[in-house]
C-alpha atoms as a PDB file:
ATOM      1  CA  MET A   1      -6.911  -8.951  21.550  1.00  0.00           C
ATOM      2  CA  SER A   2      -5.493  -7.961  24.765  1.00  0.00           C
ATOM      3  CA  LEU A   3      -7.893  -6.113  27.175  1.00  0.00           C
ATOM      4  CA  ASN A   4      -4.726  -4.041  28.185  1.00  0.00           C
ATOM      5  CA  LYS A   5      -4.073  -2.573  25.059  1.00  0.00           C
ATOM      6  CA  LYS A   6      -5.413   0.438  23.212  1.00  0.00           C
ATOM      7  CA  GLN A   7      -7.104  -0.275  19.769  1.00  0.00           C
ATOM      8  CA  VAL A   8      -5.694   1.467  16.421  1.00  0.00           C
ATOM      9  CA  GLN A   9      -6.648   1.267  13.117  1.00  0.00           C
ATOM     10  CA  VAL A  10      -4.480   2.420  10.506  1.00  0.00           C
ATOM     11  CA  ASP A  11      -6.281   3.367   7.126  1.00  0.00           C
ATOM     12  CA  VAL A  12      -3.338   4.067   4.422  1.00  0.00           C
ATOM     13  CA  VAL A  13      -4.524   5.862   1.124  1.00  0.00           C
ATOM     14  CA  SER A  14      -1.759   4.672  -1.300  1.00  0.00           C
ATOM     15  CA  ASP A  15      -0.661   3.784  -4.815  1.00  0.00           C
ATOM     16  CA  ILE A  16       1.044   0.854  -5.666  1.00  0.00           C
ATOM     17  CA  MET A  17       3.419   2.762  -8.235  1.00  0.00           C
ATOM     18  CA  CYS A  18       4.613   4.899  -5.438  1.00  0.00           C
ATOM     19  CA  PRO A  19       7.796   3.891  -3.691  1.00  0.00           C
ATOM     20  CA  TRP A  20       7.560   6.120  -0.830  1.00  0.00           C
ATOM     21  CA  CYS A  21       4.216   4.087   0.160  1.00  0.00           C
ATOM     22  CA  TRP A  22       6.495   0.867   0.253  1.00  0.00           C
ATOM     23  CA  VAL A  23       8.852   2.957   2.337  1.00  0.00           C
ATOM     24  CA  GLY A  24       5.916   4.061   4.603  1.00  0.00           C
ATOM     25  CA  LYS A  25       4.689   0.554   5.012  1.00  0.00           C
ATOM     26  CA  ARG A  26       7.927  -0.570   6.331  1.00  0.00           C
ATOM     27  CA  LYS A  27       8.421   2.218   8.895  1.00  0.00           C
ATOM     28  CA  LEU A  28       4.742   1.970   9.958  1.00  0.00           C
ATOM     29  CA  GLU A  29       5.325  -2.287  10.448  1.00  0.00           C
ATOM     30  CA  SER A  30       8.681  -1.129  12.607  1.00  0.00           C
ATOM     31  CA  ALA A  31       6.516   1.175  14.642  1.00  0.00           C
ATOM     32  CA  ILE A  32       3.781  -1.470  14.983  1.00  0.00           C
ATOM     33  CA  LYS A  33       6.600  -4.104  16.193  1.00  0.00           C
ATOM     34  CA  GLN A  34       8.246  -1.464  18.420  1.00  0.00           C
ATOM     35  CA  SER A  35       4.887  -0.758  20.199  1.00  0.00           C
ATOM     36  CA  ALA A  36       3.272  -4.243  20.289  1.00  0.00           C
ATOM     37  CA  GLY A  37       3.151  -4.111  24.225  1.00  0.00           C
ATOM     38  CA  ASP A  38       0.801  -1.371  24.190  1.00  0.00           C
ATOM     39  CA  TYR A  39      -1.372  -1.348  21.136  1.00  0.00           C
ATOM     40  CA  ASP A  40      -3.320  -3.703  18.829  1.00  0.00           C
ATOM     41  CA  VAL A  41      -3.027  -2.195  15.278  1.00  0.00           C
ATOM     42  CA  THR A  42      -5.148  -3.196  12.332  1.00  0.00           C
ATOM     43  CA  VAL A  43      -4.082  -1.764   8.883  1.00  0.00           C
ATOM     44  CA  LYS A  44      -6.100  -1.311   5.985  1.00  0.00           C
ATOM     45  CA  TRP A  45      -4.882  -0.227   2.476  1.00  0.00           C
ATOM     46  CA  HIS A  46      -7.092   2.421   0.353  1.00  0.00           C
ATOM     47  CA  PRO A  47      -6.618   3.598  -3.417  1.00  0.00           C
ATOM     48  CA  PHE A  48      -5.185   6.700  -4.801  1.00  0.00           C
ATOM     49  CA  LEU A  49      -4.418   7.115  -8.433  1.00  0.00           C
ATOM     50  CA  LEU A  50      -1.199   9.118  -8.916  1.00  0.00           C
ATOM     51  CA  ARG A  51      -1.787   9.031 -12.724  1.00  0.00           C
ATOM     52  CA  PRO A  52      -5.506   8.523 -13.022  1.00  0.00           C
ATOM     53  CA  ASP A  53      -5.395   8.526 -17.056  1.00  0.00           C
ATOM     54  CA  MET A  54      -2.459   6.228 -17.475  1.00  0.00           C
ATOM     55  CA  PRO A  55      -2.989   3.916 -20.249  1.00  0.00           C
ATOM     56  CA  ARG A  56      -3.950   0.025 -19.148  1.00  0.00           C
ATOM     57  CA  GLU A  57      -0.714  -1.013 -20.628  1.00  0.00           C
ATOM     58  CA  GLY A  58       1.153   1.569 -18.814  1.00  0.00           C
ATOM     59  CA  THR A  59       3.899   3.900 -20.561  1.00  0.00           C
ATOM     60  CA  ILE A  60       7.402   2.800 -21.536  1.00  0.00           C
ATOM     61  CA  LYS A  61      10.086   4.599 -19.112  1.00  0.00           C
ATOM     62  CA  ALA A  62      13.244   5.686 -20.755  1.00  0.00           C
ATOM     63  CA  PRO A  63      16.587   3.331 -20.772  1.00  0.00           C
ATOM     64  CA  PRO A  64      18.245   3.550 -17.494  1.00  0.00           C
ATOM     65  CA  THR A  65      21.705   5.445 -17.937  1.00  0.00           C
ATOM     66  CA  PRO A  66      24.391   6.374 -15.504  1.00  0.00           C
ATOM     67  CA  ASP A  67      23.389   9.798 -15.776  1.00  0.00           C
ATOM     68  CA  ASN A  68      19.819   9.132 -15.311  1.00  0.00           C
ATOM     69  CA  PRO A  69      18.944   5.744 -13.774  1.00  0.00           C
ATOM     70  CA  ARG A  70      15.538   4.683 -12.801  1.00  0.00           C
ATOM     71  CA  VAL A  71      16.201   4.866  -9.180  1.00  0.00           C
ATOM     72  CA  GLY A  72      18.085   7.491  -7.824  1.00  0.00           C
ATOM     73  CA  ALA A  73      20.668   7.416  -5.027  1.00  0.00           C
ATOM     74  CA  ARG A  74      18.690   8.908  -2.493  1.00  0.00           C
ATOM     75  CA  MET A  75      15.659   6.146  -3.440  1.00  0.00           C
ATOM     76  CA  LYS A  76      18.098   3.497  -3.566  1.00  0.00           C
ATOM     77  CA  MET A  77      19.665   4.482  -0.055  1.00  0.00           C
ATOM     78  CA  THR A  78      16.257   4.799   1.657  1.00  0.00           C
ATOM     79  CA  GLY A  79      15.063   1.578   0.330  1.00  0.00           C
ATOM     80  CA  GLN A  80      18.115  -0.121   1.560  1.00  0.00           C
ATOM     81  CA  SER A  81      17.556   1.372   5.150  1.00  0.00           C
ATOM     82  CA  VAL A  82      14.402  -0.329   5.463  1.00  0.00           C
ATOM     83  CA  GLY A  83      15.211  -3.703   3.744  1.00  0.00           C
ATOM     84  CA  ILE A  84      13.984  -2.844   0.200  1.00  0.00           C
ATOM     85  CA  ASP A  85      15.898  -3.288  -2.991  1.00  0.00           C
ATOM     86  CA  PHE A  86      14.214  -1.004  -5.548  1.00  0.00           C
ATOM     87  CA  THR A  87      15.623  -2.124  -8.766  1.00  0.00           C
ATOM     88  CA  GLY A  88      14.300  -0.218 -11.512  1.00  0.00           C
ATOM     89  CA  LYS A  89      13.380  -3.615 -13.776  1.00  0.00           C
ATOM     90  CA  CYS A  90      10.129  -2.834 -14.793  1.00  0.00           C
ATOM     91  CA  ASP A  91      10.197  -1.143 -18.226  1.00  0.00           C
ATOM     92  CA  ARG A  92       7.011   0.541 -17.754  1.00  0.00           C
ATOM     93  CA  ALA A  93       5.193   3.080 -15.461  1.00  0.00           C
ATOM     94  CA  PRO A  94       2.035   1.108 -14.494  1.00  0.00           C
ATOM     95  CA  ASN A  95      -1.769   1.493 -14.504  1.00  0.00           C
ATOM     96  CA  THR A  96      -2.568   0.545 -10.985  1.00  0.00           C
ATOM     97  CA  ILE A  97      -6.550  -0.219 -11.238  1.00  0.00           C
ATOM     98  CA  LEU A  98      -6.096  -3.785 -11.310  1.00  0.00           C
ATOM     99  CA  ALA A  99      -3.826  -4.062  -8.579  1.00  0.00           C
ATOM    100  CA  HIS A 100      -6.140  -1.706  -6.071  1.00  0.00           C
ATOM    101  CA  SER A 101      -9.189  -3.693  -7.417  1.00  0.00           C
ATOM    102  CA  LEU A 102      -7.494  -7.028  -6.283  1.00  0.00           C
ATOM    103  CA  MET A 103      -6.516  -5.403  -2.930  1.00  0.00           C
ATOM    104  CA  LYS A 104     -10.216  -4.343  -2.435  1.00  0.00           C
ATOM    105  CA  HIS A 105     -11.661  -7.686  -2.974  1.00  0.00           C
ATOM    106  CA  VAL A 106      -9.095  -9.350  -0.619  1.00  0.00           C
ATOM    107  CA  LEU A 107      -9.880  -6.601   2.110  1.00  0.00           C
ATOM    108  CA  ASP A 108     -13.561  -7.342   1.516  1.00  0.00           C
ATOM    109  CA  THR A 109     -13.274 -11.180   1.431  1.00  0.00           C
ATOM    110  CA  LYS A 110     -10.200 -12.201   3.165  1.00  0.00           C
ATOM    111  CA  GLY A 111      -9.959  -9.379   5.714  1.00  0.00           C
ATOM    112  CA  ALA A 112      -7.177  -6.736   6.761  1.00  0.00           C
ATOM    113  CA  ASP A 113      -4.212  -8.964   7.547  1.00  0.00           C
ATOM    114  CA  THR A 114      -4.335 -10.941   3.905  1.00  0.00           C
ATOM    115  CA  GLN A 115      -4.721  -7.587   2.281  1.00  0.00           C
ATOM    116  CA  ASN A 116      -1.601  -5.983   3.985  1.00  0.00           C
ATOM    117  CA  LYS A 117       0.343  -9.215   3.177  1.00  0.00           C
ATOM    118  CA  LEU A 118      -0.705  -8.746  -0.664  1.00  0.00           C
ATOM    119  CA  GLN A 119       0.381  -5.200  -0.227  1.00  0.00           C
ATOM    120  CA  GLU A 120       3.739  -6.266   0.603  1.00  0.00           C
ATOM    121  CA  VAL A 121       3.964  -8.925  -2.387  1.00  0.00           C
ATOM    122  CA  ILE A 122       2.582  -6.537  -4.846  1.00  0.00           C
ATOM    123  CA  PHE A 123       4.993  -3.876  -3.643  1.00  0.00           C
ATOM    124  CA  ARG A 124       7.942  -6.450  -3.964  1.00  0.00           C
ATOM    125  CA  GLY A 125       6.888  -7.720  -7.677  1.00  0.00           C
ATOM    126  CA  TYR A 126       6.774  -4.346  -9.123  1.00  0.00           C
ATOM    127  CA  PHE A 127       9.812  -2.658  -7.430  1.00  0.00           C
ATOM    128  CA  THR A 128      12.044  -5.390  -6.753  1.00  0.00           C
ATOM    129  CA  ASP A 129      11.097  -8.186  -9.331  1.00  0.00           C
ATOM    130  CA  GLY A 130      10.202  -5.726 -12.263  1.00  0.00           C
ATOM    131  CA  LEU A 131       6.552  -7.495 -12.733  1.00  0.00           C
ATOM    132  CA  TYR A 132       4.297  -5.253 -14.567  1.00  0.00           C
ATOM    133  CA  PRO A 133       0.932  -5.506 -12.395  1.00  0.00           C
ATOM    134  CA  ASP A 134      -1.215  -6.980 -15.124  1.00  0.00           C
ATOM    135  CA  VAL A 135      -3.594  -9.592 -14.885  1.00  0.00           C
ATOM    136  CA  GLU A 136      -1.464 -12.666 -14.906  1.00  0.00           C
ATOM    137  CA  ASN A 137       1.135 -11.464 -12.799  1.00  0.00           C
ATOM    138  CA  LEU A 138      -1.229  -9.778  -9.993  1.00  0.00           C
ATOM    139  CA  ALA A 139      -2.862 -13.233  -9.819  1.00  0.00           C
ATOM    140  CA  THR A 140       0.470 -15.387  -9.549  1.00  0.00           C
ATOM    141  CA  LEU A 141       1.410 -12.999  -6.864  1.00  0.00           C
ATOM    142  CA  ALA A 142      -1.778 -13.509  -4.830  1.00  0.00           C
ATOM    143  CA  THR A 143      -1.213 -17.046  -4.603  1.00  0.00           C
ATOM    144  CA  GLU A 144       1.944 -16.063  -2.325  1.00  0.00           C
ATOM    145  CA  VAL A 145      -0.759 -14.962   0.339  1.00  0.00           C
ATOM    146  CA  GLY A 146      -2.924 -17.975   0.198  1.00  0.00           C
ATOM    147  CA  ILE A 147      -5.264 -16.541  -2.625  1.00  0.00           C
ATOM    148  CA  ASP A 148      -6.503 -18.943  -5.381  1.00  0.00           C
ATOM    149  CA  LYS A 149      -5.357 -17.873  -8.490  1.00  0.00           C
ATOM    150  CA  GLU A 150      -8.504 -18.721 -10.428  1.00  0.00           C
ATOM    151  CA  GLU A 151     -10.402 -16.616  -8.180  1.00  0.00           C
ATOM    152  CA  ALA A 152      -7.920 -13.831  -8.637  1.00  0.00           C
ATOM    153  CA  LEU A 153      -8.341 -14.306 -12.323  1.00  0.00           C
ATOM    154  CA  GLN A 154     -11.902 -13.991 -12.116  1.00  0.00           C
ATOM    155  CA  VAL A 155     -11.915 -10.759  -9.927  1.00  0.00           C
ATOM    156  CA  LEU A 156      -9.351  -9.220 -12.303  1.00  0.00           C
ATOM    157  CA  HIS A 157     -11.116 -10.055 -15.463  1.00  0.00           C
ATOM    158  CA  SER A 158     -14.419  -8.908 -14.207  1.00  0.00           C
ATOM    159  CA  GLY A 159     -13.803  -5.188 -13.981  1.00  0.00           C
ATOM    160  CA  LYS A 160     -16.207  -5.546 -10.792  1.00  0.00           C
ATOM    161  CA  TYR A 161     -14.457  -2.837  -8.751  1.00  0.00           C
ATOM    162  CA  GLU A 162     -12.839  -0.363 -11.018  1.00  0.00           C
ATOM    163  CA  GLU A 163     -15.397   2.096 -10.809  1.00  0.00           C
ATOM    164  CA  ALA A 164     -15.577   1.847  -6.916  1.00  0.00           C
ATOM    165  CA  ILE A 165     -11.873   2.615  -7.151  1.00  0.00           C
ATOM    166  CA  LYS A 166     -11.862   5.469  -9.208  1.00  0.00           C
ATOM    167  CA  LYS A 167     -14.626   7.020  -6.972  1.00  0.00           C
ATOM    168  CA  GLU A 168     -12.876   6.580  -3.968  1.00  0.00           C
ATOM    169  CA  ALA A 169      -9.827   7.558  -5.427  1.00  0.00           C
ATOM    170  CA  ARG A 170     -11.553  10.729  -6.333  1.00  0.00           C
ATOM    171  CA  THR A 171     -12.968  11.114  -2.874  1.00  0.00           C
ATOM    172  CA  HIS A 172      -9.527  11.128  -1.135  1.00  0.00           C
ATOM    173  CA  SER A 173      -8.527  14.087  -3.341  1.00  0.00           C
ATOM    174  CA  ARG A 174     -11.645  15.912  -2.582  1.00  0.00           C
ATOM    175  CA  ASP A 175     -10.799  15.208   1.068  1.00  0.00           C
ATOM    176  CA  GLY A 176      -7.349  16.994   0.611  1.00  0.00           C
ATOM    177  CA  VAL A 177      -5.243  14.138   0.013  1.00  0.00           C
ATOM    178  CA  SER A 178      -2.780  15.419  -2.458  1.00  0.00           C
ATOM    179  CA  GLY A 179       0.481  13.096  -1.809  1.00  0.00           C
ATOM    180  CA  VAL A 180       0.726   9.478  -0.634  1.00  0.00           C
ATOM    181  CA  PRO A 181       0.945   7.674   1.384  1.00  0.00           C
ATOM    182  CA  PHE A 182      -1.595   9.355   3.636  1.00  0.00           C
ATOM    183  CA  PHE A 183      -2.326   7.738   6.821  1.00  0.00           C
ATOM    184  CA  TYR A 184      -5.609   8.006   8.969  1.00  0.00           C
ATOM    185  CA  ILE A 185      -5.589   6.705  12.425  1.00  0.00           C
ATOM    186  CA  ASN A 186      -9.026   5.722  14.029  1.00  0.00           C
ATOM    187  CA  GLY A 187     -10.476   7.623  11.442  1.00  0.00           C
ATOM    188  CA  ARG A 188      -8.655  10.889  11.934  1.00  0.00           C
ATOM    189  CA  PRO A 189      -6.148  12.359   9.605  1.00  0.00           C
ATOM    190  CA  ALA A 190      -2.685  11.941  10.985  1.00  0.00           C
ATOM    191  CA  PHE A 191       0.049  12.712   8.194  1.00  0.00           C
ATOM    192  CA  SER A 192       1.449  12.061   4.844  1.00  0.00           C
ATOM    193  CA  GLY A 193       4.801  10.679   3.683  1.00  0.00           C
ATOM    194  CA  ALA A 194       7.097   7.947   4.953  1.00  0.00           C
ATOM    195  CA  GLN A 195       7.544   9.278   8.583  1.00  0.00           C
ATOM    196  CA  ASP A 196      10.017   8.051  11.013  1.00  0.00           C
ATOM    197  CA  VAL A 197       9.128   5.348  13.177  1.00  0.00           C
ATOM    198  CA  GLU A 198       8.761   7.382  16.101  1.00  0.00           C
ATOM    199  CA  THR A 199       5.803   9.679  14.409  1.00  0.00           C
ATOM    200  CA  PHE A 200       3.756   6.655  14.037  1.00  0.00           C
ATOM    201  CA  VAL A 201       4.351   5.642  17.901  1.00  0.00           C
ATOM    202  CA  ASN A 202       3.693   8.814  19.008  1.00  0.00           C
ATOM    203  CA  ALA A 203       0.552   8.863  16.562  1.00  0.00           C
ATOM    204  CA  PHE A 204      -0.373   5.524  18.162  1.00  0.00           C
ATOM    205  CA  GLU A 205      -0.269   7.338  21.629  1.00  0.00           C
ATOM    206  CA  LYS A 206      -2.131  10.279  20.700  1.00  0.00           C
ATOM    207  CA  LEU A 207      -4.873   8.698  18.649  1.00  0.00           C
ATOM    208  CA  GLY A 208      -5.306   5.349  20.118  1.00  0.00           C
ATOM    209  CA  VAL A 209      -8.274   4.333  21.801  1.00  0.00           C
ATOM    210  CA  GLU A 210      -9.049   1.914  24.981  1.00  0.00           C
ATOM    211  CA  THR A 211     -10.535  -1.327  24.266  1.00  0.00           C
ATOM    212  CA  THR A 212     -13.473  -0.506  25.628  1.00  0.00           C
ATOM    213  CA  GLU A 213     -14.317   2.432  22.986  1.00  0.00           C
ATOM    214  CA  HIS A 214     -15.680   1.615  19.616  1.00  0.00           C
ATOM    215  CA  VAL A 215     -13.385   1.795  16.740  1.00  0.00           C
ATOM    216  CA  GLY A 216     -15.115   2.495  13.237  1.00  0.00           C
END
């Protein structure tokens, strides 16, 4: 940690099934890189359930057609602009409780940096590789960020975090989060949506704190 830098904690309320959350992540990371000389930034991910009543096995998507592709032209172009390939390969809209549970476990036991890396891997697994976020796929993806597969399997089979995930997601809704991604910066609501890089940098400048101050 540099004593000459301001401290910024970004808390992102997100759902794994939201493509704009991945776009927002990439734009946030560009802002962090652009302002690296001025800020030490920590990113933590928190659950939101866009479809809280989704069956565990998800719901089947309609087959893609030229008139009704799974990934529209705007989404495809937006993804490409930040290095994302949205393929629409997965044939099911997902239940995301398991993914959120693994994310919470990793934040609690491995820290924010590993959790942030896992979030990237899960997004890629679903949106690009077409992997449904079930127990086996999530446990395999977790190994890419150094998590033991047996540990991940144990967490996912246990259901340990599921009620906590549902409760936290409801709390975010009650607090006024109606769309994701939603960003808090140093504990204060900043904005929702996959904003431009400059919007993030300006928020760092406005809400960042000196290293002598406490960041919760």
